[in-house]
Amino acid sequence: MTDVLVVGGGVVGLSLAWDLAGEGADVTLVDAAAVGRAASWAGAGILPPARVESALHPIESLRGLANRLHVEWAEALREATGMDTGYRRCGGVYVARTVGEEASLIGLKSLFDEEGIECRMWEGEGIRQVEPNLDPDPPVRRALWTPQECQLRNPWHLRALRVGCERLGVTIVEHEPIRAFEQQQGKITAARSDRRRWYAGAYCVTAGPWSHALLEDLGLANGILPVRGQMVLFRSDKPLAEAIINEGTRYLVPREDGRLLAGSTEEEVGFDCRPTHDRFEELTEFACSLLPALRDAQIEAVWAGLRPGSFDGMPYMGKLPNLENAFVASGHFRSGLSLSPAIARLMSQLILGKQPQADWELFRVDREAVNAGPSQPM
């Protein structure tokens, strides 16, 4: 029997296991496939700026805490494993090429100003001072520069987390999907796979879009669903940009070795994780329209991942109301990696019986039932 069984081995599950084990808990992590190879691996590793003290929304407060912890975790993982997670402060450029995008960018600058996030608006030739190779067609109307934006290299970070967990004694079991939970008197008594039962003091579901069915088995109505995101990886002899370049929901993320990620799409296609030619062409054209030098770069790889979205855009975090030892942290959509250390820290505190410092109301796990309310007679 283990203290905590974590069901799902993406970045949230690995981060939670790492934090719990660091607090002295005996942890077992079980994944239906290979640990760290789903949406967490497929993402771009963007860490947008946020400040916990001045955040105007609980998600941004969570992001502010995560940004503090990312700095600490990058160093702690390096010390524990000798591995570089790819954490870098590279800055971000938000560009607007249409009137609508320009209006959104002005609004974003106002928000950053109100939250005390350092930024500067550029126009015309001033934009080239930030990124000399940025030569968009159609031209950029304005660009917002945020020097505090950072990045991780997802595969590096996940490898370091796995090794860090193992060195803290976490038991990691792969290719063993949990099929159901056994319950008795308001508690989970076991998690059942095809081969065995798993016994723990507490259970936490962190299985990304696959959390939906597991939570349904536990009696929790939820709106978690898979949202496919596709990526294109370019490779050139030298970096073609220094900062992350953002336009709406799409982005270019340059790496120091000359690689550059272009992403991403948002597609509700169920659990189909196959990349498609039309989206590949769309992302390639988007990338080259911002950085024309990419037309001479090699396309090294294309792939897709399934993010855990939710019907209302909010994650599910906390204890299940009907079970005293059941918890969930899922539905973080595009923000799983960026929020992961804060999610792990707060969920670890909750599972270990400590008081987490967070506003949970928007993330409450029973909100579907609460919002539906009692049925009314006709």
Protein backbone atom coordinates (compact mmCIF):
# COMPACT_ATOMS: atom_id res chain seq x y z
CA MET A 1 0.00 0.00 0.00
CA THR A 2 1.23 3.47 -0.91
CA ASP A 3 0.41 6.85 0.62
CA VAL A 4 -0.76 8.37 -2.67
CA LEU A 5 -1.62 6.79 -6.01
CA VAL A 6 -1.29 9.30 -8.87
CA VAL A 7 -3.24 8.16 -11.93
CA GLY A 8 -1.72 9.76 -15.03
CA GLY A 9 1.92 10.47 -15.84
CA GLY A 10 1.92 13.74 -17.76
CA VAL A 11 3.58 16.87 -16.48
CA VAL A 12 0.89 17.44 -13.82
CA GLY A 13 1.11 13.88 -12.50
CA LEU A 14 4.92 13.83 -12.50
CA SER A 15 5.07 17.26 -10.85
CA LEU A 16 2.62 16.18 -8.16
CA ALA A 17 4.57 12.99 -7.50
CA TRP A 18 7.83 14.98 -7.29
CA ASP A 19 6.34 17.46 -4.81
CA LEU A 20 4.64 14.82 -2.67
CA ALA A 21 7.78 12.69 -2.51
CA GLY A 22 9.78 15.77 -1.56
CA GLU A 23 7.44 16.09 1.44
CA GLY A 24 8.21 12.53 2.49
CA ALA A 25 5.15 10.77 1.04
CA ASP A 26 5.37 7.31 -0.47
CA VAL A 27 4.03 7.75 -4.01
CA THR A 28 3.10 5.41 -6.84
CA LEU A 29 2.38 6.84 -10.31
CA VAL A 30 0.49 4.69 -12.82
CA ASP A 31 0.02 5.60 -16.50
CA ALA A 32 -1.97 3.93 -19.24
CA ALA A 33 0.87 4.45 -21.74
CA ALA A 34 4.43 5.77 -21.51
CA VAL A 35 5.03 8.43 -18.87
CA GLY A 36 5.42 11.95 -20.24
CA ARG A 37 4.64 11.10 -23.86
CA ALA A 38 1.17 12.62 -24.40
CA ALA A 39 0.15 16.30 -24.51
CA SER A 40 2.88 17.31 -22.04
CA TRP A 41 5.58 16.11 -24.44
CA ALA A 42 3.85 17.58 -27.49
CA GLY A 43 3.62 21.17 -26.25
CA ALA A 44 5.92 24.13 -26.84
CA GLY A 45 6.88 24.99 -23.26
CA ILE A 46 5.77 28.63 -23.22
CA LEU A 47 5.70 30.26 -19.77
CA PRO A 48 3.76 33.54 -20.11
CA PRO A 49 4.47 36.35 -17.61
CA ALA A 50 2.28 36.71 -14.52
CA ARG A 51 2.57 38.10 -10.98
CA VAL A 52 0.81 36.40 -8.11
CA GLU A 53 0.56 39.62 -6.06
CA SER A 54 -1.34 41.63 -8.66
CA ALA A 55 -3.15 38.96 -10.70
CA LEU A 56 -6.75 39.86 -11.54
CA HIS A 57 -7.92 36.28 -12.10
CA PRO A 58 -7.32 33.02 -10.16
CA ILE A 59 -5.68 31.41 -13.22
CA GLU A 60 -3.20 34.29 -13.44
CA SER A 61 -2.55 34.06 -9.70
CA LEU A 62 -1.82 30.37 -10.19
CA ARG A 63 0.45 31.25 -13.13
CA GLY A 64 2.30 33.79 -11.03
CA LEU A 65 3.02 31.16 -8.38
CA ALA A 66 4.04 28.71 -11.10
CA ASN A 67 6.50 31.21 -12.58
CA ARG A 68 8.22 31.57 -9.20
CA LEU A 69 8.39 27.81 -8.78
CA HIS A 70 9.67 27.16 -12.32
CA VAL A 71 12.85 29.06 -11.45
CA GLU A 72 13.31 27.01 -8.27
CA TRP A 73 12.42 23.70 -9.89
CA ALA A 74 14.79 24.15 -12.83
CA GLU A 75 17.67 24.50 -10.38
CA ALA A 76 16.42 21.78 -8.03
CA LEU A 77 16.01 19.30 -10.90
CA ARG A 78 19.48 20.15 -12.21
CA GLU A 79 20.95 19.50 -8.77
CA ALA A 80 18.97 16.28 -8.29
CA THR A 81 19.48 14.80 -11.76
CA GLY A 82 22.24 16.73 -13.53
CA MET A 83 19.75 17.48 -16.31
CA ASP A 84 18.98 20.77 -18.01
CA THR A 85 15.21 21.37 -18.34
CA GLY A 86 15.69 24.05 -21.00
CA TYR A 87 14.33 26.76 -18.72
CA ARG A 88 15.29 30.10 -20.26
CA ARG A 89 14.09 33.69 -19.97
CA CYS A 90 13.87 34.60 -23.65
CA GLY A 91 11.15 37.26 -23.74
CA GLY A 92 8.00 37.29 -25.83
CA VAL A 93 6.71 39.35 -28.74
CA TYR A 94 2.95 39.61 -29.32
CA VAL A 95 2.19 40.79 -32.85
CA ALA A 96 -0.91 42.25 -34.49
CA ARG A 97 -1.40 42.20 -38.25
CA THR A 98 -5.10 43.07 -38.40
CA VAL A 99 -7.28 45.79 -36.88
CA GLY A 100 -8.93 43.20 -34.60
CA GLU A 101 -5.60 41.85 -33.41
CA GLU A 102 -4.40 45.40 -32.81
CA ALA A 103 -7.38 46.12 -30.57
CA SER A 104 -6.73 42.90 -28.63
CA LEU A 105 -3.08 43.83 -28.25
CA ILE A 106 -3.95 47.25 -26.84
CA GLY A 107 -6.22 45.50 -24.36
CA LEU A 108 -3.46 43.05 -23.44
CA LYS A 109 -1.05 45.92 -22.78
CA SER A 110 -3.60 47.57 -20.50
CA LEU A 111 -3.97 44.30 -18.60
CA PHE A 112 -0.20 43.86 -18.27
CA ASP A 113 0.13 47.46 -17.08
CA GLU A 114 -2.58 46.93 -14.47
CA GLU A 115 -0.93 43.75 -13.23
CA GLY A 116 2.53 45.32 -13.12
CA ILE A 117 4.00 43.13 -15.87
CA GLU A 118 6.85 44.80 -17.73
CA CYS A 119 6.01 45.40 -21.39
CA ARG A 120 6.54 47.88 -24.22
CA MET A 121 4.53 48.57 -27.37
CA TRP A 122 6.41 48.89 -30.65
CA GLU A 123 5.26 50.25 -33.99
CA GLY A 124 6.76 50.44 -37.49
CA GLU A 125 10.50 49.92 -37.77
CA GLY A 126 10.83 49.75 -33.99
CA ILE A 127 9.55 46.19 -34.20
CA ARG A 128 12.70 45.15 -36.06
CA GLN A 129 14.78 46.26 -33.07
CA VAL A 130 13.30 43.37 -31.10
CA GLU A 131 13.47 40.68 -33.79
CA PRO A 132 15.50 41.61 -36.92
CA ASN A 133 14.25 38.58 -38.89
CA LEU A 134 10.60 39.38 -38.21
CA ASP A 135 9.40 40.48 -41.65
CA PRO A 136 5.72 39.58 -41.81
CA ASP A 137 3.44 39.58 -44.80
CA PRO A 138 1.02 41.26 -44.22
CA PRO A 139 3.04 43.69 -42.09
CA VAL A 140 2.77 43.94 -38.32
CA ARG A 141 0.74 46.95 -37.20
CA ARG A 142 1.98 46.78 -33.62
CA ALA A 143 4.03 44.46 -31.44
CA LEU A 144 4.08 44.12 -27.65
CA TRP A 145 7.41 43.14 -26.07
CA THR A 146 7.38 41.27 -22.72
CA PRO A 147 10.91 40.55 -21.47
CA GLN A 148 9.72 38.30 -18.62
CA GLU A 149 8.32 35.54 -20.86
CA CYS A 150 10.20 32.25 -20.47
CA GLN A 151 10.30 28.79 -21.98
CA LEU A 152 11.01 25.15 -21.14
CA ARG A 153 11.92 22.29 -23.48
CA ASN A 154 9.11 19.89 -22.73
CA PRO A 155 10.95 16.57 -23.34
CA TRP A 156 13.93 17.72 -21.26
CA HIS A 157 11.73 18.88 -18.40
CA LEU A 158 9.72 15.64 -18.41
CA ARG A 159 12.84 13.47 -18.43
CA ALA A 160 14.28 15.41 -15.50
CA LEU A 161 11.01 15.12 -13.58
CA ARG A 162 10.89 11.37 -14.12
CA VAL A 163 14.47 10.84 -12.97
CA GLY A 164 13.91 13.22 -10.05
CA CYS A 165 10.82 11.26 -9.00
CA GLU A 166 12.64 7.93 -9.20
CA ARG A 167 15.53 9.24 -7.10
CA LEU A 168 13.02 10.30 -4.44
CA GLY A 169 11.61 6.78 -4.39
CA VAL A 170 8.48 7.24 -6.52
CA THR A 171 7.30 3.96 -8.06
CA ILE A 172 6.45 4.54 -11.74
CA VAL A 173 4.34 1.97 -13.58
CA GLU A 174 3.72 2.37 -17.33
CA HIS A 175 1.29 0.76 -19.81
CA GLU A 176 -1.20 -0.15 -17.10
CA PRO A 177 -4.50 1.72 -17.48
CA ILE A 178 -6.69 2.05 -14.43
CA ARG A 179 -10.12 0.72 -15.40
CA ALA A 180 -12.22 1.43 -12.32
CA PHE A 181 -12.20 2.37 -8.65
CA GLU A 182 -13.66 0.33 -5.83
CA GLN A 183 -15.54 2.33 -3.19
CA GLN A 184 -16.90 1.71 0.25
CA GLN A 185 -18.35 4.04 2.89
CA GLY A 186 -17.36 7.27 1.16
CA LYS A 187 -13.80 6.24 0.33
CA ILE A 188 -11.90 4.66 -2.54
CA THR A 189 -10.64 1.31 -1.33
CA ALA A 190 -8.71 0.32 -4.47
CA ALA A 191 -7.94 1.27 -8.06
CA ARG A 192 -8.28 -1.65 -10.46
CA SER A 193 -6.30 -2.31 -13.63
CA ASP A 194 -6.55 -5.40 -15.84
CA ARG A 195 -3.82 -7.13 -13.82
CA ARG A 196 -4.15 -6.03 -10.20
CA ARG A 197 -5.60 -3.78 -7.55
CA TRP A 198 -3.75 -0.74 -6.29
CA TYR A 199 -4.20 0.29 -2.66
CA ALA A 200 -3.44 3.77 -1.35
CA GLY A 201 -4.36 6.21 1.35
CA ALA A 202 -5.28 8.84 -1.26
CA TYR A 203 -5.91 8.79 -5.01
CA CYS A 204 -5.42 11.68 -7.46
CA VAL A 205 -6.58 11.63 -11.09
CA THR A 206 -4.19 13.57 -13.37
CA ALA A 207 -4.88 11.72 -16.63
CA GLY A 208 -5.45 14.65 -18.99
CA PRO A 209 -8.42 14.12 -21.33
CA TRP A 210 -8.68 10.50 -20.14
CA SER A 211 -9.65 11.89 -16.73
CA HIS A 212 -13.22 12.29 -17.96
CA ALA A 213 -14.07 8.58 -17.87
CA LEU A 214 -12.20 7.97 -14.60
CA LEU A 215 -14.09 10.78 -12.88
CA GLU A 216 -17.39 9.54 -14.30
CA ASP A 217 -16.60 6.18 -12.69
CA LEU A 218 -16.19 8.05 -9.40
CA GLY A 219 -19.60 9.66 -9.81
CA LEU A 220 -18.35 13.10 -10.82
CA ALA A 221 -20.02 14.79 -13.80
CA ASN A 222 -17.38 16.79 -15.65
CA GLY A 223 -16.74 18.60 -18.91
CA ILE A 224 -13.19 17.42 -19.65
CA LEU A 225 -12.65 16.67 -23.34
CA PRO A 226 -9.72 16.10 -25.73
CA VAL A 227 -8.65 19.02 -27.95
CA ARG A 228 -6.05 18.17 -30.57
CA GLY A 229 -3.12 20.51 -31.11
CA GLN A 230 -0.70 20.07 -34.02
CA MET A 231 2.91 21.25 -34.23
CA VAL A 232 5.63 21.70 -36.85
CA LEU A 233 9.33 21.62 -35.94
CA PHE A 234 11.77 23.56 -38.15
CA ARG A 235 15.55 23.29 -38.00
CA SER A 236 18.11 25.79 -39.30
CA ASP A 237 21.85 26.29 -38.88
CA LYS A 238 21.37 29.11 -36.38
CA PRO A 239 18.48 30.56 -34.38
CA LEU A 240 16.22 32.75 -36.51
CA ALA A 241 14.63 34.45 -33.48
CA GLU A 242 15.42 34.99 -29.83
CA ALA A 243 11.99 35.66 -28.35
CA ILE A 244 8.78 33.67 -28.46
CA ILE A 245 6.57 35.21 -31.17
CA ASN A 246 2.83 35.10 -30.43
CA GLU A 247 -0.06 35.95 -32.74
CA GLY A 248 -3.47 35.18 -31.27
CA THR A 249 -3.46 31.51 -30.24
CA ARG A 250 -0.53 30.64 -32.54
CA TYR A 251 3.17 31.01 -31.83
CA LEU A 252 6.77 30.44 -32.85
CA VAL A 253 9.15 29.18 -30.14
CA PRO A 254 12.85 29.36 -31.02
CA ARG A 255 15.40 27.05 -29.38
CA GLU A 256 19.06 27.88 -28.90
CA ASP A 257 20.20 25.06 -31.23
CA GLY A 258 18.40 26.47 -34.29
CA ARG A 259 15.19 24.50 -33.92
CA LEU A 260 11.89 26.38 -33.92
CA LEU A 261 8.40 25.15 -33.02
CA ALA A 262 5.33 26.45 -34.85
CA GLY A 263 1.94 25.83 -33.31
CA SER A 264 -0.74 25.25 -32.64
CA THR A 265 -4.22 24.16 -33.69
CA GLU A 266 -7.37 23.62 -31.62
CA GLU A 267 -9.49 20.76 -32.95
CA GLU A 268 -12.27 18.79 -31.27
CA VAL A 269 -11.85 15.45 -33.02
CA GLY A 270 -12.19 13.05 -30.11
CA PHE A 271 -9.14 10.95 -29.26
CA ASP A 272 -7.66 11.11 -32.76
CA CYS A 273 -4.03 12.11 -32.26
CA ARG A 274 -2.88 11.96 -35.88
CA PRO A 275 -1.41 15.07 -37.55
CA THR A 276 -3.07 16.13 -40.80
CA HIS A 277 -1.68 17.56 -44.03
CA ASP A 278 -4.00 20.57 -44.20
CA ARG A 279 -3.08 21.76 -40.71
CA PHE A 280 0.61 21.13 -41.47
CA GLU A 281 0.35 23.42 -44.48
CA GLU A 282 -1.56 26.02 -42.44
CA LEU A 283 1.06 26.11 -39.67
CA THR A 284 3.96 26.12 -42.12
CA GLU A 285 2.51 29.07 -44.02
CA PHE A 286 1.81 30.91 -40.76
CA ALA A 287 5.40 30.43 -39.60
CA CYS A 288 6.94 31.49 -42.91
CA SER A 289 4.68 34.53 -43.16
CA LEU A 290 6.19 35.83 -39.91
CA LEU A 291 9.78 34.67 -40.44
CA PRO A 292 10.44 34.37 -44.19
CA ALA A 293 13.88 32.86 -43.49
CA LEU A 294 12.05 29.69 -42.41
CA ARG A 295 11.34 28.92 -46.07
CA ASP A 296 14.98 27.80 -46.30
CA ALA A 297 14.84 25.80 -43.06
CA GLN A 298 14.44 22.04 -42.81
CA ILE A 299 11.16 20.65 -41.52
CA GLU A 300 12.32 18.08 -39.00
CA ALA A 301 9.07 16.71 -37.59
CA VAL A 302 5.31 17.14 -37.24
CA TRP A 303 3.15 15.76 -34.45
CA ALA A 304 -0.05 16.24 -32.49
CA GLY A 305 -1.15 15.99 -28.87
CA LEU A 306 -4.48 15.89 -27.05
CA ARG A 307 -4.92 18.67 -24.53
CA PRO A 308 -7.45 18.28 -21.70
CA GLY A 309 -9.96 21.02 -22.40
CA SER A 310 -13.15 21.72 -20.47
CA PHE A 311 -16.61 23.01 -21.39
CA ASP A 312 -16.18 26.25 -19.42
CA GLY A 313 -12.44 26.74 -19.93
CA MET A 314 -11.60 26.17 -16.25
CA PRO A 315 -9.53 23.30 -14.84
CA TYR A 316 -10.79 20.83 -12.25
CA MET A 317 -8.73 20.95 -9.07
CA GLY A 318 -9.51 19.71 -5.60
CA LYS A 319 -11.14 16.94 -3.60
CA LEU A 320 -14.13 15.05 -4.88
CA PRO A 321 -17.09 16.01 -2.68
CA ASN A 322 -18.45 12.49 -2.27
CA LEU A 323 -15.16 10.71 -1.47
CA GLU A 324 -12.83 11.71 1.34
CA ASN A 325 -9.64 10.35 -0.26
CA ALA A 326 -10.21 11.18 -3.96
CA PHE A 327 -8.68 14.18 -5.73
CA VAL A 328 -8.37 15.52 -9.27
CA ALA A 329 -6.10 17.93 -11.15
CA SER A 330 -7.03 18.01 -14.82
CA GLY A 331 -8.63 20.09 -17.57
CA HIS A 332 -5.82 22.67 -17.81
CA PHE A 333 -6.04 22.84 -21.63
CA ARG A 334 -3.05 24.77 -23.04
CA SER A 335 -1.65 25.67 -19.61
CA GLY A 336 -0.79 22.31 -18.07
CA LEU A 337 2.98 22.66 -18.33
CA SER A 338 3.12 26.35 -17.49
CA LEU A 339 0.92 25.90 -14.40
CA SER A 340 2.26 22.48 -13.37
CA PRO A 341 4.52 23.37 -10.41
CA ALA A 342 1.82 25.51 -8.82
CA ILE A 343 -0.82 22.82 -9.40
CA ALA A 344 1.51 20.28 -7.84
CA ARG A 345 2.33 22.43 -4.82
CA LEU A 346 -1.31 23.29 -4.03
CA MET A 347 -2.63 19.77 -4.66
CA SER A 348 0.20 18.29 -2.58
CA GLN A 349 -0.75 20.57 0.31
CA LEU A 350 -4.40 19.59 -0.04
CA ILE A 351 -3.71 15.84 -0.19
CA LEU A 352 -1.38 16.01 2.82
CA GLY A 353 -4.00 17.81 4.88
CA LYS A 354 -2.45 21.26 4.76
CA GLN A 355 -4.28 24.47 3.89
CA PRO A 356 -3.47 25.49 0.31
CA GLN A 357 -3.27 29.23 -0.37
CA ALA A 358 -5.53 29.44 -3.41
CA ASP A 359 -8.96 30.54 -4.55
CA TRP A 360 -10.57 27.26 -5.59
CA GLU A 361 -14.10 28.44 -6.38
CA LEU A 362 -13.73 28.66 -10.17
CA PHE A 363 -11.92 25.29 -10.20
CA ARG A 364 -14.29 23.39 -7.91
CA VAL A 365 -14.72 19.87 -9.16
CA ASP A 366 -18.49 19.66 -8.60
CA ARG A 367 -19.41 22.84 -10.48
CA GLU A 368 -21.46 21.03 -13.14
CA ALA A 369 -23.81 19.68 -10.47
CA VAL A 370 -23.84 22.99 -8.57
CA ASN A 371 -24.59 25.06 -11.66
CA ALA A 372 -27.31 22.70 -12.79
CA GLY A 373 -29.14 23.11 -9.48
CA PRO A 374 -32.19 21.09 -8.39
CA SER A 375 -34.76 20.19 -10.99
CA GLN A 376 -37.98 22.22 -10.88
CA PRO A 377 -41.51 20.81 -11.25
CA MET A 378 -43.30 21.72 -14.49
